[in-house]
Amino acid sequence: MSATLQRLTITMPPEMAMAIRQAVDDGAYASTSEVIREALREWNTRRQLMLTELAELKAEIDQGLADVAAGRVKKFDPDSIIARGRRLLAARSS
């Protein structure tokens, strides 16, 4: 085993283990390790995206709180919000 690789032992439900073995048996992967490595790469990509989106959301919340503290607010108008949401939804649907 290469010095750059580490061996780990994992425990999983039989259905997951079978799916991994099946992917290897079908020829999609050369080994179970390849399946796990790809799954971890995809998980890491999704996790990084989630963390980025969370940081952006926190920044928007902070900006909103700063706007409220500075008095930069508008009167709450639910009808206007609903109409805007419907326009955005219609634009996405077309």
PDB file of N, CA and C in Angstrom:
ATOM      1  N   MET A   1       0.842  -1.178   0.000  1.00  0.00           N
ATOM      2  CA  MET A   1       0.000   0.000   0.000  1.00  0.00           C
ATOM      3  C   MET A   1       0.886   1.238   0.000  1.00  0.00           C
ATOM      4  N   SER A   2       0.509   2.205  -0.806  1.00  0.00           N
ATOM      5  CA  SER A   2       1.278   3.441  -0.938  1.00  0.00           C
ATOM      6  C   SER A   2       1.261   4.229   0.369  1.00  0.00           C
ATOM      7  N   ALA A   3       2.326   4.971   0.599  1.00  0.00           N
ATOM      8  CA  ALA A   3       2.416   5.789   1.805  1.00  0.00           C
ATOM      9  C   ALA A   3       1.397   6.922   1.790  1.00  0.00           C
ATOM     10  N   THR A   4       0.851   7.263   0.608  1.00  0.00           N
ATOM     11  CA  THR A   4      -0.118   8.349   0.517  1.00  0.00           C
ATOM     12  C   THR A   4      -1.552   7.881   0.742  1.00  0.00           C
ATOM     13  N   LEU A   5      -1.760   6.588   0.895  1.00  0.00           N
ATOM     14  CA  LEU A   5      -3.092   6.048   1.133  1.00  0.00           C
ATOM     15  C   LEU A   5      -3.199   5.535   2.553  1.00  0.00           C
ATOM     16  N   GLN A   6      -4.399   5.618   3.106  1.00  0.00           N
ATOM     17  CA  GLN A   6      -4.650   5.074   4.436  1.00  0.00           C
ATOM     18  C   GLN A   6      -5.800   4.091   4.343  1.00  0.00           C
ATOM     19  N   ARG A   7      -5.701   3.020   5.061  1.00  0.00           N
ATOM     20  CA  ARG A   7      -6.757   2.011   5.084  1.00  0.00           C
ATOM     21  C   ARG A   7      -7.729   2.364   6.212  1.00  0.00           C
ATOM     22  N   LEU A   8      -9.009   2.344   5.883  1.00  0.00           N
ATOM     23  CA  LEU A   8     -10.058   2.570   6.869  1.00  0.00           C
ATOM     24  C   LEU A   8     -11.013   1.384   6.835  1.00  0.00           C
ATOM     25  N   THR A   9     -11.583   1.092   7.959  1.00  0.00           N
ATOM     26  CA  THR A   9     -12.613   0.072   8.029  1.00  0.00           C
ATOM     27  C   THR A   9     -13.920   0.790   8.306  1.00  0.00           C
ATOM     28  N   ILE A  10     -14.942   0.498   7.493  1.00  0.00           N
ATOM     29  CA  ILE A  10     -16.231   1.146   7.681  1.00  0.00           C
ATOM     30  C   ILE A  10     -17.315   0.090   7.877  1.00  0.00           C
ATOM     31  N   THR A  11     -18.377   0.487   8.523  1.00  0.00           N
ATOM     32  CA  THR A  11     -19.521  -0.383   8.735  1.00  0.00           C
ATOM     33  C   THR A  11     -20.721   0.274   8.076  1.00  0.00           C
ATOM     34  N   MET A  12     -21.495  -0.530   7.331  1.00  0.00           N
ATOM     35  CA  MET A  12     -22.663   0.011   6.643  1.00  0.00           C
ATOM     36  C   MET A  12     -23.745  -1.051   6.560  1.00  0.00           C
ATOM     37  N   PRO A  13     -24.958  -0.612   6.267  1.00  0.00           N
ATOM     38  CA  PRO A  13     -26.049  -1.581   6.105  1.00  0.00           C
ATOM     39  C   PRO A  13     -25.782  -2.495   4.913  1.00  0.00           C
ATOM     40  N   PRO A  14     -26.323  -3.712   4.955  1.00  0.00           N
ATOM     41  CA  PRO A  14     -26.096  -4.663   3.861  1.00  0.00           C
ATOM     42  C   PRO A  14     -26.506  -4.129   2.487  1.00  0.00           C
ATOM     43  N   GLU A  15     -27.572  -3.334   2.434  1.00  0.00           N
ATOM     44  CA  GLU A  15     -28.031  -2.802   1.149  1.00  0.00           C
ATOM     45  C   GLU A  15     -26.972  -1.897   0.508  1.00  0.00           C
ATOM     46  N   MET A  16     -26.310  -1.096   1.331  1.00  0.00           N
ATOM     47  CA  MET A  16     -25.259  -0.215   0.815  1.00  0.00           C
ATOM     48  C   MET A  16     -24.067  -1.026   0.338  1.00  0.00           C
ATOM     49  N   ALA A  17     -23.682  -1.996   1.135  1.00  0.00           N
ATOM     50  CA  ALA A  17     -22.551  -2.842   0.757  1.00  0.00           C
ATOM     51  C   ALA A  17     -22.848  -3.562  -0.556  1.00  0.00           C
ATOM     52  N   MET A  18     -24.081  -4.055  -0.706  1.00  0.00           N
ATOM     53  CA  MET A  18     -24.469  -4.747  -1.931  1.00  0.00           C
ATOM     54  C   MET A  18     -24.422  -3.799  -3.126  1.00  0.00           C
ATOM     55  N   ALA A  19     -24.875  -2.569  -2.948  1.00  0.00           N
ATOM     56  CA  ALA A  19     -24.855  -1.602  -4.048  1.00  0.00           C
ATOM     57  C   ALA A  19     -23.421  -1.320  -4.489  1.00  0.00           C
ATOM     58  N   ILE A  20     -22.511  -1.225  -3.537  1.00  0.00           N
ATOM     59  CA  ILE A  20     -21.101  -0.986  -3.867  1.00  0.00           C
ATOM     60  C   ILE A  20     -20.529  -2.185  -4.623  1.00  0.00           C
ATOM     61  N   ARG A  21     -20.781  -3.373  -4.101  1.00  0.00           N
ATOM     62  CA  ARG A  21     -20.279  -4.587  -4.771  1.00  0.00           C
ATOM     63  C   ARG A  21     -20.868  -4.721  -6.173  1.00  0.00           C
ATOM     64  N   GLN A  22     -22.145  -4.382  -6.319  1.00  0.00           N
ATOM     65  CA  GLN A  22     -22.806  -4.484  -7.618  1.00  0.00           C
ATOM     66  C   GLN A  22     -22.174  -3.521  -8.627  1.00  0.00           C
ATOM     67  N   ALA A  23     -21.829  -2.311  -8.179  1.00  0.00           N
ATOM     68  CA  ALA A  23     -21.180  -1.354  -9.069  1.00  0.00           C
ATOM     69  C   ALA A  23     -19.847  -1.893  -9.572  1.00  0.00           C
ATOM     70  N   VAL A  24     -19.123  -2.591  -8.715  1.00  0.00           N
ATOM     71  CA  VAL A  24     -17.850  -3.206  -9.110  1.00  0.00           C
ATOM     72  C   VAL A  24     -18.118  -4.392 -10.030  1.00  0.00           C
ATOM     73  N   ASP A  25     -19.071  -5.238  -9.663  1.00  0.00           N
ATOM     74  CA  ASP A  25     -19.396  -6.413 -10.480  1.00  0.00           C
ATOM     75  C   ASP A  25     -19.881  -6.020 -11.878  1.00  0.00           C
ATOM     76  N   ASP A  26     -20.595  -4.890 -11.966  1.00  0.00           N
ATOM     77  CA  ASP A  26     -21.096  -4.415 -13.260  1.00  0.00           C
ATOM     78  C   ASP A  26     -19.991  -3.804 -14.126  1.00  0.00           C
ATOM     79  N   GLY A  27     -18.820  -3.599 -13.528  1.00  0.00           N
ATOM     80  CA  GLY A  27     -17.698  -3.037 -14.268  1.00  0.00           C
ATOM     81  C   GLY A  27     -17.631  -1.518 -14.262  1.00  0.00           C
ATOM     82  N   ALA A  28     -18.511  -0.880 -13.516  1.00  0.00           N
ATOM     83  CA  ALA A  28     -18.490   0.588 -13.453  1.00  0.00           C
ATOM     84  C   ALA A  28     -17.264   1.089 -12.682  1.00  0.00           C
ATOM     85  N   TYR A  29     -16.775   0.263 -11.784  1.00  0.00           N
ATOM     86  CA  TYR A  29     -15.606   0.605 -10.964  1.00  0.00           C
ATOM     87  C   TYR A  29     -14.703  -0.609 -10.887  1.00  0.00           C
ATOM     88  N   ALA A  30     -13.409  -0.360 -10.703  1.00  0.00           N
ATOM     89  CA  ALA A  30     -12.444  -1.455 -10.601  1.00  0.00           C
ATOM     90  C   ALA A  30     -12.403  -2.051  -9.199  1.00  0.00           C
ATOM     91  N   SER A  31     -12.816  -1.258  -8.198  1.00  0.00           N
ATOM     92  CA  SER A  31     -12.748  -1.751  -6.826  1.00  0.00           C
ATOM     93  C   SER A  31     -13.771  -1.031  -5.961  1.00  0.00           C
ATOM     94  N   THR A  32     -14.034  -1.623  -4.800  1.00  0.00           N
ATOM     95  CA  THR A  32     -14.943  -0.969  -3.859  1.00  0.00           C
ATOM     96  C   THR A  32     -14.345   0.347  -3.365  1.00  0.00           C
ATOM     97  N   SER A  33     -13.039   0.401  -3.275  1.00  0.00           N
ATOM     98  CA  SER A  33     -12.394   1.642  -2.849  1.00  0.00           C
ATOM     99  C   SER A  33     -12.670   2.782  -3.824  1.00  0.00           C
ATOM    100  N   GLU A  34     -12.692   2.465  -5.123  1.00  0.00           N
ATOM    101  CA  GLU A  34     -12.990   3.499  -6.111  1.00  0.00           C
ATOM    102  C   GLU A  34     -14.404   4.042  -5.938  1.00  0.00           C
ATOM    103  N   VAL A  35     -15.346   3.160  -5.635  1.00  0.00           N
ATOM    104  CA  VAL A  35     -16.730   3.589  -5.410  1.00  0.00           C
ATOM    105  C   VAL A  35     -16.784   4.559  -4.230  1.00  0.00           C
ATOM    106  N   ILE A  36     -16.165   4.174  -3.145  1.00  0.00           N
ATOM    107  CA  ILE A  36     -16.175   5.002  -1.936  1.00  0.00           C
ATOM    108  C   ILE A  36     -15.467   6.328  -2.174  1.00  0.00           C
ATOM    109  N   ARG A  37     -14.331   6.305  -2.858  1.00  0.00           N
ATOM    110  CA  ARG A  37     -13.609   7.560  -3.131  1.00  0.00           C
ATOM    111  C   ARG A  37     -14.472   8.521  -3.946  1.00  0.00           C
ATOM    112  N   GLU A  38     -15.145   7.991  -4.985  1.00  0.00           N
ATOM    113  CA  GLU A  38     -16.011   8.865  -5.787  1.00  0.00           C
ATOM    114  C   GLU A  38     -17.159   9.420  -4.951  1.00  0.00           C
ATOM    115  N   ALA A  39     -17.763   8.555  -4.134  1.00  0.00           N
ATOM    116  CA  ALA A  39     -18.866   9.013  -3.280  1.00  0.00           C
ATOM    117  C   ALA A  39     -18.392  10.114  -2.337  1.00  0.00           C
ATOM    118  N   LEU A  40     -17.209   9.974  -1.784  1.00  0.00           N
ATOM    119  CA  LEU A  40     -16.676  10.993  -0.871  1.00  0.00           C
ATOM    120  C   LEU A  40     -16.343  12.295  -1.599  1.00  0.00           C
ATOM    121  N   ARG A  41     -15.842  12.184  -2.831  1.00  0.00           N
ATOM    122  CA  ARG A  41     -15.585  13.405  -3.610  1.00  0.00           C
ATOM    123  C   ARG A  41     -16.891  14.160  -3.861  1.00  0.00           C
ATOM    124  N   GLU A  42     -17.930  13.427  -4.246  1.00  0.00           N
ATOM    125  CA  GLU A  42     -19.228  14.069  -4.488  1.00  0.00           C
ATOM    126  C   GLU A  42     -19.795  14.660  -3.206  1.00  0.00           C
ATOM    127  N   TRP A  43     -19.674  13.935  -2.099  1.00  0.00           N
ATOM    128  CA  TRP A  43     -20.138  14.448  -0.805  1.00  0.00           C
ATOM    129  C   TRP A  43     -19.398  15.731  -0.443  1.00  0.00           C
ATOM    130  N   ASN A  44     -18.091  15.729  -0.656  1.00  0.00           N
ATOM    131  CA  ASN A  44     -17.302  16.909  -0.322  1.00  0.00           C
ATOM    132  C   ASN A  44     -17.697  18.098  -1.186  1.00  0.00           C
ATOM    133  N   THR A  45     -17.963  17.866  -2.461  1.00  0.00           N
ATOM    134  CA  THR A  45     -18.399  18.939  -3.355  1.00  0.00           C
ATOM    135  C   THR A  45     -19.727  19.515  -2.876  1.00  0.00           C
ATOM    136  N   ARG A  46     -20.692  18.634  -2.573  1.00  0.00           N
ATOM    137  CA  ARG A  46     -21.997  19.104  -2.076  1.00  0.00           C
ATOM    138  C   ARG A  46     -21.842  19.849  -0.757  1.00  0.00           C
ATOM    139  N   ARG A  47     -20.983  19.350   0.106  1.00  0.00           N
ATOM    140  CA  ARG A  47     -20.771  19.989   1.414  1.00  0.00           C
ATOM    141  C   ARG A  47     -20.166  21.384   1.244  1.00  0.00           C
ATOM    142  N   GLN A  48     -19.184  21.504   0.355  1.00  0.00           N
ATOM    143  CA  GLN A  48     -18.580  22.815   0.114  1.00  0.00           C
ATOM    144  C   GLN A  48     -19.603  23.790  -0.448  1.00  0.00           C
ATOM    145  N   LEU A  49     -20.454  23.319  -1.357  1.00  0.00           N
ATOM    146  CA  LEU A  49     -21.505  24.165  -1.913  1.00  0.00           C
ATOM    147  C   LEU A  49     -22.459  24.612  -0.814  1.00  0.00           C
ATOM    148  N   MET A  50     -22.855  23.687   0.050  1.00  0.00           N
ATOM    149  CA  MET A  50     -23.753  24.023   1.146  1.00  0.00           C
ATOM    150  C   MET A  50     -23.118  25.058   2.076  1.00  0.00           C
ATOM    151  N   LEU A  51     -21.839  24.885   2.392  1.00  0.00           N
ATOM    152  CA  LEU A  51     -21.158  25.835   3.271  1.00  0.00           C
ATOM    153  C   LEU A  51     -21.054  27.209   2.623  1.00  0.00           C
ATOM    154  N   THR A  52     -20.819  27.244   1.313  1.00  0.00           N
ATOM    155  CA  THR A  52     -20.762  28.508   0.593  1.00  0.00           C
ATOM    156  C   THR A  52     -22.122  29.193   0.617  1.00  0.00           C
ATOM    157  N   GLU A  53     -23.167  28.426   0.334  1.00  0.00           N
ATOM    158  CA  GLU A  53     -24.523  28.986   0.349  1.00  0.00           C
ATOM    159  C   GLU A  53     -24.903  29.463   1.744  1.00  0.00           C
ATOM    160  N   LEU A  54     -24.509  28.729   2.767  1.00  0.00           N
ATOM    161  CA  LEU A  54     -24.790  29.131   4.140  1.00  0.00           C
ATOM    162  C   LEU A  54     -24.080  30.438   4.480  1.00  0.00           C
ATOM    163  N   ALA A  55     -22.831  30.573   4.062  1.00  0.00           N
ATOM    164  CA  ALA A  55     -22.086  31.813   4.313  1.00  0.00           C
ATOM    165  C   ALA A  55     -22.750  32.988   3.600  1.00  0.00           C
ATOM    166  N   GLU A  56     -23.223  32.767   2.366  1.00  0.00           N
ATOM    167  CA  GLU A  56     -23.913  33.825   1.633  1.00  0.00           C
ATOM    168  C   GLU A  56     -25.208  34.215   2.337  1.00  0.00           C
ATOM    169  N   LEU A  57     -25.954  33.225   2.824  1.00  0.00           N
ATOM    170  CA  LEU A  57     -27.191  33.503   3.543  1.00  0.00           C
ATOM    171  C   LEU A  57     -26.924  34.290   4.820  1.00  0.00           C
ATOM    172  N   LYS A  58     -25.891  33.893   5.559  1.00  0.00           N
ATOM    173  CA  LYS A  58     -25.536  34.626   6.780  1.00  0.00           C
ATOM    174  C   LYS A  58     -25.171  36.068   6.452  1.00  0.00           C
ATOM    175  N   ALA A  59     -24.443  36.290   5.354  1.00  0.00           N
ATOM    176  CA  ALA A  59     -24.076  37.647   4.956  1.00  0.00           C
ATOM    177  C   ALA A  59     -25.322  38.462   4.612  1.00  0.00           C
ATOM    178  N   GLU A  60     -26.294  37.836   3.936  1.00  0.00           N
ATOM    179  CA  GLU A  60     -27.539  38.532   3.605  1.00  0.00           C
ATOM    180  C   GLU A  60     -28.337  38.861   4.865  1.00  0.00           C
ATOM    181  N   ILE A  61     -28.353  37.948   5.823  1.00  0.00           N
ATOM    182  CA  ILE A  61     -29.043  38.213   7.090  1.00  0.00           C
ATOM    183  C   ILE A  61     -28.367  39.368   7.819  1.00  0.00           C
ATOM    184  N   ASP A  62     -27.040  39.346   7.866  1.00  0.00           N
ATOM    185  CA  ASP A  62     -26.305  40.438   8.512  1.00  0.00           C
ATOM    186  C   ASP A  62     -26.603  41.766   7.842  1.00  0.00           C
ATOM    187  N   GLN A  63     -26.662  41.769   6.492  1.00  0.00           N
ATOM    188  CA  GLN A  63     -26.976  42.997   5.760  1.00  0.00           C
ATOM    189  C   GLN A  63     -28.385  43.463   6.099  1.00  0.00           C
ATOM    190  N   GLY A  64     -29.321  42.516   6.170  1.00  0.00           N
ATOM    191  CA  GLY A  64     -30.694  42.876   6.525  1.00  0.00           C
ATOM    192  C   GLY A  64     -30.788  43.455   7.919  1.00  0.00           C
ATOM    193  N   LEU A  65     -30.090  42.863   8.866  1.00  0.00           N
ATOM    194  CA  LEU A  65     -30.089  43.388  10.232  1.00  0.00           C
ATOM    195  C   LEU A  65     -29.461  44.773  10.290  1.00  0.00           C
ATOM    196  N   ALA A  66     -28.397  44.968   9.515  1.00  0.00           N
ATOM    197  CA  ALA A  66     -27.757  46.293   9.467  1.00  0.00           C
ATOM    198  C   ALA A  66     -28.712  47.316   8.855  1.00  0.00           C
ATOM    199  N   ASP A  67     -29.451  46.921   7.816  1.00  0.00           N
ATOM    200  CA  ASP A  67     -30.419  47.829   7.201  1.00  0.00           C
ATOM    201  C   ASP A  67     -31.508  48.221   8.203  1.00  0.00           C
ATOM    202  N   VAL A  68     -31.997  47.249   8.970  1.00  0.00           N
ATOM    203  CA  VAL A  68     -33.022  47.547   9.975  1.00  0.00           C
ATOM    204  C   VAL A  68     -32.455  48.501  11.025  1.00  0.00           C
ATOM    205  N   ALA A  69     -31.246  48.216  11.497  1.00  0.00           N
ATOM    206  CA  ALA A  69     -30.626  49.066  12.519  1.00  0.00           C
ATOM    207  C   ALA A  69     -30.418  50.484  12.014  1.00  0.00           C
ATOM    208  N   ALA A  70     -30.161  50.637  10.708  1.00  0.00           N
ATOM    209  CA  ALA A  70     -29.922  51.967  10.137  1.00  0.00           C
ATOM    210  C   ALA A  70     -31.222  52.635   9.687  1.00  0.00           C
ATOM    211  N   GLY A  71     -32.338  51.941   9.868  1.00  0.00           N
ATOM    212  CA  GLY A  71     -33.617  52.528   9.486  1.00  0.00           C
ATOM    213  C   GLY A  71     -33.953  52.396   8.008  1.00  0.00           C
ATOM    214  N   ARG A  72     -33.214  51.581   7.299  1.00  0.00           N
ATOM    215  CA  ARG A  72     -33.489  51.376   5.872  1.00  0.00           C
ATOM    216  C   ARG A  72     -34.490  50.234   5.724  1.00  0.00           C
ATOM    217  N   VAL A  73     -35.753  50.530   6.003  1.00  0.00           N
ATOM    218  CA  VAL A  73     -36.799  49.517   5.939  1.00  0.00           C
ATOM    219  C   VAL A  73     -37.983  50.055   5.149  1.00  0.00           C
ATOM    220  N   LYS A  74     -38.795  49.146   4.641  1.00  0.00           N
ATOM    221  CA  LYS A  74     -40.017  49.511   3.937  1.00  0.00           C
ATOM    222  C   LYS A  74     -41.198  48.961   4.725  1.00  0.00           C
ATOM    223  N   LYS A  75     -42.357  49.545   4.495  1.00  0.00           N
ATOM    224  CA  LYS A  75     -43.574  49.038   5.116  1.00  0.00           C
ATOM    225  C   LYS A  75     -43.837  47.627   4.603  1.00  0.00           C
ATOM    226  N   PHE A  76     -44.201  46.729   5.496  1.00  0.00           N
ATOM    227  CA  PHE A  76     -44.490  45.347   5.126  1.00  0.00           C
ATOM    228  C   PHE A  76     -45.770  45.313   4.317  1.00  0.00           C
ATOM    229  N   ASP A  77     -45.674  44.805   3.092  1.00  0.00           N
ATOM    230  CA  ASP A  77     -46.823  44.723   2.193  1.00  0.00           C
ATOM    231  C   ASP A  77     -46.919  43.301   1.647  1.00  0.00           C
ATOM    232  N   PRO A  78     -47.697  42.427   2.328  1.00  0.00           N
ATOM    233  CA  PRO A  78     -47.759  41.031   1.903  1.00  0.00           C
ATOM    234  C   PRO A  78     -48.298  40.858   0.486  1.00  0.00           C
ATOM    235  N   ASP A  79     -49.238  41.681   0.062  1.00  0.00           N
ATOM    236  CA  ASP A  79     -49.788  41.559  -1.292  1.00  0.00           C
ATOM    237  C   ASP A  79     -48.708  41.791  -2.344  1.00  0.00           C
ATOM    238  N   SER A  80     -47.846  42.757  -2.094  1.00  0.00           N
ATOM    239  CA  SER A  80     -46.746  43.041  -3.018  1.00  0.00           C
ATOM    240  C   SER A  80     -45.757  41.874  -3.058  1.00  0.00           C
ATOM    241  N   ILE A  81     -45.496  41.279  -1.913  1.00  0.00           N
ATOM    242  CA  ILE A  81     -44.571  40.146  -1.834  1.00  0.00           C
ATOM    243  C   ILE A  81     -45.147  38.946  -2.584  1.00  0.00           C
ATOM    244  N   ILE A  82     -46.426  38.684  -2.389  1.00  0.00           N
ATOM    245  CA  ILE A  82     -47.084  37.569  -3.077  1.00  0.00           C
ATOM    246  C   ILE A  82     -47.059  37.787  -4.583  1.00  0.00           C
ATOM    247  N   ALA A  83     -47.367  39.006  -5.021  1.00  0.00           N
ATOM    248  CA  ALA A  83     -47.371  39.307  -6.460  1.00  0.00           C
ATOM    249  C   ALA A  83     -45.977  39.127  -7.047  1.00  0.00           C
ATOM    250  N   ARG A  84     -44.964  39.601  -6.346  1.00  0.00           N
ATOM    251  CA  ARG A  84     -43.585  39.440  -6.825  1.00  0.00           C
ATOM    252  C   ARG A  84     -43.214  37.965  -6.907  1.00  0.00           C
ATOM    253  N   GLY A  85     -43.595  37.187  -5.907  1.00  0.00           N
ATOM    254  CA  GLY A  85     -43.317  35.752  -5.915  1.00  0.00           C
ATOM    255  C   GLY A  85     -43.990  35.060  -7.088  1.00  0.00           C
ATOM    256  N   ARG A  86     -45.219  35.463  -7.382  1.00  0.00           N
ATOM    257  CA  ARG A  86     -45.921  34.860  -8.515  1.00  0.00           C
ATOM    258  C   ARG A  86     -45.252  35.223  -9.841  1.00  0.00           C
ATOM    259  N   ARG A  87     -44.776  36.457  -9.951  1.00  0.00           N
ATOM    260  CA  ARG A  87     -44.060  36.863 -11.176  1.00  0.00           C
ATOM    261  C   ARG A  87     -42.774  36.060 -11.339  1.00  0.00           C
ATOM    262  N   LEU A  88     -42.041  35.894 -10.246  1.00  0.00           N
ATOM    263  CA  LEU A  88     -40.797  35.118 -10.311  1.00  0.00           C
ATOM    264  C   LEU A  88     -41.079  33.659 -10.680  1.00  0.00           C
ATOM    265  N   LEU A  89     -42.110  33.087 -10.096  1.00  0.00           N
ATOM    266  CA  LEU A  89     -42.479  31.713 -10.392  1.00  0.00           C
ATOM    267  C   LEU A  89     -42.903  31.559 -11.857  1.00  0.00           C
ATOM    268  N   ALA A  90     -43.676  32.516 -12.358  1.00  0.00           N
ATOM    269  CA  ALA A  90     -44.111  32.482 -13.756  1.00  0.00           C
ATOM    270  C   ALA A  90     -42.920  32.587 -14.688  1.00  0.00           C
ATOM    271  N   ALA A  91     -41.947  33.417 -14.343  1.00  0.00           N
ATOM    272  CA  ALA A  91     -40.751  33.578 -15.176  1.00  0.00           C
ATOM    273  C   ALA A  91     -39.934  32.288 -15.213  1.00  0.00           C
ATOM    274  N   ARG A  92     -39.875  31.580 -14.094  1.00  0.00           N
ATOM    275  CA  ARG A  92     -39.130  30.308 -14.051  1.00  0.00           C
ATOM    276  C   ARG A  92     -39.847  29.218 -14.827  1.00  0.00           C
ATOM    277  N   SER A  93     -41.175  29.286 -14.867  1.00  0.00           N
ATOM    278  CA  SER A  93     -41.964  28.254 -15.525  1.00  0.00           C
ATOM    279  C   SER A  93     -41.962  28.398 -17.039  1.00  0.00           C
ATOM    280  N   SER A  94     -41.636  29.593 -17.532  1.00  0.00           N
ATOM    281  CA  SER A  94     -41.668  29.788 -18.989  1.00  0.00           C
ATOM    282  C   SER A  94     -40.334  29.561 -19.648  1.00  0.00           C
TER     283      SER A  94
END
